[in-house]
């Protein structure tokens, strides 16, 4: 199981796994993991107060792009049912943020998959990276795994 330091917050969602999520071997299709992670991150943003596309105009921190996804599949999710997806923040740079995540069964804390997703905050006019606001940093800091901000990236 992915362990987090005492006092570090995480955000967790339960997701249903349905027949059309499975591959020919009745195992959760690899592409579906990223969809579950995307939905969990979307739920996290809603918890922080972002709820619609309109927020992108009013909240400059909602203007970001995915730089990369990295995922390791450790055990298969077999058949339909439910899984938990847990996210936290691994790193917070000047203009970057890296989520850590794990996908787990409902009844035990053993990872099906683990990984990271890197985001970069952008200026939509220039499409170049720009710093997160101080208000954003304050909101996400409790979810930062190490509780210390890293060197700017």
C-alpha atoms as a PDB file:
ATOM      1  CA  UNK A   1       0.000   0.000   0.000  1.00  0.00           C
ATOM      2  CA  UNK A   2       1.097   3.527  -0.668  1.00  0.00           C
ATOM      3  CA  UNK A   3       1.761   5.093   2.727  1.00  0.00           C
ATOM      4  CA  UNK A   4       1.411   8.769   3.521  1.00  0.00           C
ATOM      5  CA  UNK A   5       3.012  10.626   6.397  1.00  0.00           C
ATOM      6  CA  UNK A   6       0.884  11.240   9.433  1.00  0.00           C
ATOM      7  CA  UNK A   7      -1.201  14.374   9.072  1.00  0.00           C
ATOM      8  CA  UNK A   8      -1.084  14.503   5.268  1.00  0.00           C
ATOM      9  CA  UNK A   9      -4.514  14.764   3.722  1.00  0.00           C
ATOM     10  CA  UNK A  10      -5.632  12.784   0.728  1.00  0.00           C
ATOM     11  CA  UNK A  11      -8.758  12.787  -1.404  1.00  0.00           C
ATOM     12  CA  UNK A  12     -10.463   9.488  -2.184  1.00  0.00           C
ATOM     13  CA  UNK A  13     -13.383   8.483  -4.405  1.00  0.00           C
ATOM     14  CA  UNK A  14     -15.192   5.205  -4.942  1.00  0.00           C
ATOM     15  CA  UNK A  15     -15.827   4.273  -8.573  1.00  0.00           C
ATOM     16  CA  UNK A  16     -17.949   1.534 -10.088  1.00  0.00           C
ATOM     17  CA  UNK A  17     -16.356  -0.902 -12.523  1.00  0.00           C
ATOM     18  CA  UNK A  18     -18.841  -1.975 -15.171  1.00  0.00           C
ATOM     19  CA  UNK A  19     -18.867  -4.593 -17.917  1.00  0.00           C
ATOM     20  CA  UNK A  20     -17.844  -2.075 -20.594  1.00  0.00           C
ATOM     21  CA  UNK A  21     -14.764  -1.124 -18.520  1.00  0.00           C
ATOM     22  CA  UNK A  22     -13.336  -4.630 -18.897  1.00  0.00           C
ATOM     23  CA  UNK A  23     -11.072  -6.067 -21.577  1.00  0.00           C
ATOM     24  CA  UNK A  24     -11.417  -9.456 -23.279  1.00  0.00           C
ATOM     25  CA  UNK A  25      -9.947 -11.165 -20.188  1.00  0.00           C
ATOM     26  CA  UNK A  26     -12.565  -9.572 -17.875  1.00  0.00           C
ATOM     27  CA  UNK A  27      -9.856  -7.340 -16.370  1.00  0.00           C
ATOM     28  CA  UNK A  28     -10.174  -3.561 -16.012  1.00  0.00           C
ATOM     29  CA  UNK A  29      -8.825  -2.129 -19.278  1.00  0.00           C
ATOM     30  CA  UNK A  30      -5.573  -0.212 -18.816  1.00  0.00           C
ATOM     31  CA  UNK A  31      -7.007   3.004 -20.305  1.00  0.00           C
ATOM     32  CA  UNK A  32      -9.834   3.036 -17.743  1.00  0.00           C
ATOM     33  CA  UNK A  33      -7.420   3.593 -14.864  1.00  0.00           C
ATOM     34  CA  UNK A  34      -6.569   7.053 -16.193  1.00  0.00           C
ATOM     35  CA  UNK A  35     -10.267   7.829 -16.561  1.00  0.00           C
ATOM     36  CA  UNK A  36     -10.860   6.903 -12.901  1.00  0.00           C
ATOM     37  CA  UNK A  37      -7.912   9.071 -11.873  1.00  0.00           C
ATOM     38  CA  UNK A  38      -9.213  11.960 -13.991  1.00  0.00           C
ATOM     39  CA  UNK A  39     -12.611  11.710 -12.296  1.00  0.00           C
ATOM     40  CA  UNK A  40     -11.028  11.628  -8.849  1.00  0.00           C
ATOM     41  CA  UNK A  41      -8.921  14.701  -9.602  1.00  0.00           C
ATOM     42  CA  UNK A  42     -12.060  16.434 -10.918  1.00  0.00           C
ATOM     43  CA  UNK A  43     -13.787  15.648  -7.637  1.00  0.00           C
ATOM     44  CA  UNK A  44     -10.780  17.056  -5.779  1.00  0.00           C
ATOM     45  CA  UNK A  45     -11.021  20.323  -7.726  1.00  0.00           C
ATOM     46  CA  UNK A  46     -14.732  20.501  -6.859  1.00  0.00           C
ATOM     47  CA  UNK A  47     -13.871  20.061  -3.193  1.00  0.00           C
ATOM     48  CA  UNK A  48     -11.542  23.061  -3.546  1.00  0.00           C
ATOM     49  CA  UNK A  49     -14.410  25.090  -4.988  1.00  0.00           C
ATOM     50  CA  UNK A  50     -13.997  24.665  -8.743  1.00  0.00           C
ATOM     51  CA  UNK A  51     -17.173  23.384 -10.279  1.00  0.00           C
ATOM     52  CA  UNK A  52     -17.603  24.366 -13.916  1.00  0.00           C
ATOM     53  CA  UNK A  53     -15.827  25.453 -17.070  1.00  0.00           C
ATOM     54  CA  UNK A  54     -16.878  28.990 -16.190  1.00  0.00           C
ATOM     55  CA  UNK A  55     -14.426  28.780 -13.290  1.00  0.00           C
ATOM     56  CA  UNK A  56     -11.563  28.753 -15.798  1.00  0.00           C
ATOM     57  CA  UNK A  57     -12.365  32.357 -16.670  1.00  0.00           C
ATOM     58  CA  UNK A  58     -12.554  33.441 -13.035  1.00  0.00           C
ATOM     59  CA  UNK A  59      -9.913  31.161 -11.527  1.00  0.00           C
ATOM     60  CA  UNK A  60      -6.554  31.362 -13.277  1.00  0.00           C
ATOM     61  CA  UNK A  61      -5.275  28.296 -11.393  1.00  0.00           C
ATOM     62  CA  UNK A  62      -7.838  26.195 -13.242  1.00  0.00           C
ATOM     63  CA  UNK A  63      -5.863  26.975 -16.397  1.00  0.00           C
ATOM     64  CA  UNK A  64      -3.431  24.084 -16.484  1.00  0.00           C
ATOM     65  CA  UNK A  65      -2.429  21.208 -18.735  1.00  0.00           C
ATOM     66  CA  UNK A  66      -1.426  17.613 -18.094  1.00  0.00           C
ATOM     67  CA  UNK A  67       2.300  17.237 -18.753  1.00  0.00           C
ATOM     68  CA  UNK A  68       2.538  13.499 -18.162  1.00  0.00           C
ATOM     69  CA  UNK A  69       0.930  10.449 -16.632  1.00  0.00           C
ATOM     70  CA  UNK A  70       2.908   7.565 -15.193  1.00  0.00           C
ATOM     71  CA  UNK A  71       1.178   4.413 -14.012  1.00  0.00           C
ATOM     72  CA  UNK A  72       2.342   1.020 -12.799  1.00  0.00           C
ATOM     73  CA  UNK A  73      -0.156  -1.827 -12.899  1.00  0.00           C
ATOM     74  CA  UNK A  74       0.616  -4.042  -9.896  1.00  0.00           C
ATOM     75  CA  UNK A  75      -2.393  -6.380  -9.717  1.00  0.00           C
ATOM     76  CA  UNK A  76      -5.376  -6.754 -12.026  1.00  0.00           C
ATOM     77  CA  UNK A  77      -8.862  -5.547 -11.165  1.00  0.00           C
ATOM     78  CA  UNK A  78     -10.896  -8.603 -12.124  1.00  0.00           C
ATOM     79  CA  UNK A  79     -14.576  -8.319 -13.013  1.00  0.00           C
ATOM     80  CA  UNK A  80     -17.163  -5.720 -12.115  1.00  0.00           C
ATOM     81  CA  UNK A  81     -17.519  -4.081  -8.714  1.00  0.00           C
ATOM     82  CA  UNK A  82     -16.032  -1.011  -7.057  1.00  0.00           C
ATOM     83  CA  UNK A  83     -12.555   0.385  -6.453  1.00  0.00           C
ATOM     84  CA  UNK A  84     -11.165   3.295  -4.469  1.00  0.00           C
ATOM     85  CA  UNK A  85      -8.906   5.903  -6.046  1.00  0.00           C
ATOM     86  CA  UNK A  86      -6.804   7.947  -3.627  1.00  0.00           C
ATOM     87  CA  UNK A  87      -4.866  11.069  -4.636  1.00  0.00           C
ATOM     88  CA  UNK A  88      -2.495  13.454  -2.883  1.00  0.00           C
ATOM     89  CA  UNK A  89       0.132  15.954  -3.996  1.00  0.00           C
ATOM     90  CA  UNK A  90       3.662  14.617  -4.369  1.00  0.00           C
ATOM     91  CA  UNK A  91       5.335  17.868  -5.430  1.00  0.00           C
ATOM     92  CA  UNK A  92       4.388  21.498  -5.783  1.00  0.00           C
ATOM     93  CA  UNK A  93       6.712  23.634  -7.879  1.00  0.00           C
ATOM     94  CA  UNK A  94       6.502  27.209  -9.095  1.00  0.00           C
ATOM     95  CA  UNK A  95       4.250  26.296 -12.026  1.00  0.00           C
ATOM     96  CA  UNK A  96       4.012  22.512 -11.710  1.00  0.00           C
ATOM     97  CA  UNK A  97       2.083  20.136  -9.507  1.00  0.00           C
ATOM     98  CA  UNK A  98       2.478  16.367  -9.336  1.00  0.00           C
ATOM     99  CA  UNK A  99      -0.368  14.246  -8.027  1.00  0.00           C
ATOM    100  CA  UNK A 100       0.385  10.843  -6.580  1.00  0.00           C
ATOM    101  CA  UNK A 101      -2.351   8.243  -6.820  1.00  0.00           C
ATOM    102  CA  UNK A 102      -3.234   4.668  -6.057  1.00  0.00           C
ATOM    103  CA  UNK A 103      -6.136   2.443  -7.067  1.00  0.00           C
ATOM    104  CA  UNK A 104      -7.248   0.013  -4.346  1.00  0.00           C
ATOM    105  CA  UNK A 105      -9.967  -2.536  -3.655  1.00  0.00           C
ATOM    106  CA  UNK A 106     -12.804  -1.640  -1.315  1.00  0.00           C
ATOM    107  CA  UNK A 107     -11.885  -4.123   1.397  1.00  0.00           C
ATOM    108  CA  UNK A 108      -8.111  -3.829   1.756  1.00  0.00           C
ATOM    109  CA  UNK A 109      -5.306  -1.309   1.442  1.00  0.00           C
ATOM    110  CA  UNK A 110      -3.341  -3.117  -1.263  1.00  0.00           C
ATOM    111  CA  UNK A 111      -2.597  -1.267  -4.481  1.00  0.00           C
ATOM    112  CA  UNK A 112      -3.908  -2.392  -7.842  1.00  0.00           C
ATOM    113  CA  UNK A 113      -2.005   0.460  -9.480  1.00  0.00           C
ATOM    114  CA  UNK A 114       0.130   3.428  -8.444  1.00  0.00           C
ATOM    115  CA  UNK A 115       1.418   6.427 -10.312  1.00  0.00           C
ATOM    116  CA  UNK A 116       1.700  10.149 -10.816  1.00  0.00           C
ATOM    117  CA  UNK A 117       0.179  12.880 -12.942  1.00  0.00           C
ATOM    118  CA  UNK A 118       2.088  16.108 -13.587  1.00  0.00           C
ATOM    119  CA  UNK A 119       0.266  19.365 -14.323  1.00  0.00           C
ATOM    120  CA  UNK A 120       1.629  22.702 -15.490  1.00  0.00           C
ATOM    121  CA  UNK A 121      -0.181  25.970 -14.847  1.00  0.00           C
ATOM    122  CA  UNK A 122      -0.315  28.065 -18.016  1.00  0.00           C
ATOM    123  CA  UNK A 123      -1.055  31.578 -19.143  1.00  0.00           C
ATOM    124  CA  UNK A 124      -3.754  30.955 -21.758  1.00  0.00           C
ATOM    125  CA  UNK A 125      -2.804  34.025 -23.795  1.00  0.00           C
ATOM    126  CA  UNK A 126       0.849  33.018 -24.256  1.00  0.00           C
ATOM    127  CA  UNK A 127       0.474  29.262 -23.630  1.00  0.00           C
ATOM    128  CA  UNK A 128       3.576  29.327 -21.477  1.00  0.00           C
ATOM    129  CA  UNK A 129       4.001  28.167 -17.909  1.00  0.00           C
ATOM    130  CA  UNK A 130       3.268  30.597 -15.124  1.00  0.00           C
ATOM    131  CA  UNK A 131       3.272  30.444 -11.335  1.00  0.00           C
ATOM    132  CA  UNK A 132       0.422  29.123  -9.225  1.00  0.00           C
ATOM    133  CA  UNK A 133      -1.236  31.834  -7.142  1.00  0.00           C
ATOM    134  CA  UNK A 134      -0.570  32.107  -3.421  1.00  0.00           C
ATOM    135  CA  UNK A 135      -4.256  31.357  -2.736  1.00  0.00           C
ATOM    136  CA  UNK A 136      -4.002  28.087  -4.694  1.00  0.00           C
ATOM    137  CA  UNK A 137      -0.807  27.098  -2.900  1.00  0.00           C
ATOM    138  CA  UNK A 138      -2.492  27.662   0.468  1.00  0.00           C
ATOM    139  CA  UNK A 139      -5.482  25.495  -0.531  1.00  0.00           C
ATOM    140  CA  UNK A 140      -3.440  22.528  -1.733  1.00  0.00           C
ATOM    141  CA  UNK A 141      -0.623  22.641   0.835  1.00  0.00           C
ATOM    142  CA  UNK A 142      -2.398  20.294   3.314  1.00  0.00           C
ATOM    143  CA  UNK A 143      -2.431  17.623   0.576  1.00  0.00           C
ATOM    144  CA  UNK A 144       1.323  17.902  -0.050  1.00  0.00           C
ATOM    145  CA  UNK A 145       2.997  14.644   0.914  1.00  0.00           C
ATOM    146  CA  UNK A 146       6.220  16.108   2.303  1.00  0.00           C
ATOM    147  CA  UNK A 147       4.700  19.362   3.585  1.00  0.00           C
ATOM    148  CA  UNK A 148       7.671  21.271   2.245  1.00  0.00           C
ATOM    149  CA  UNK A 149       7.633  22.997  -1.075  1.00  0.00           C
ATOM    150  CA  UNK A 150      10.305  21.881  -3.473  1.00  0.00           C
ATOM    151  CA  UNK A 151      12.546  23.959  -5.657  1.00  0.00           C
ATOM    152  CA  UNK A 152      10.711  25.640  -8.523  1.00  0.00           C
ATOM    153  CA  UNK A 153      10.450  23.585 -11.715  1.00  0.00           C
END
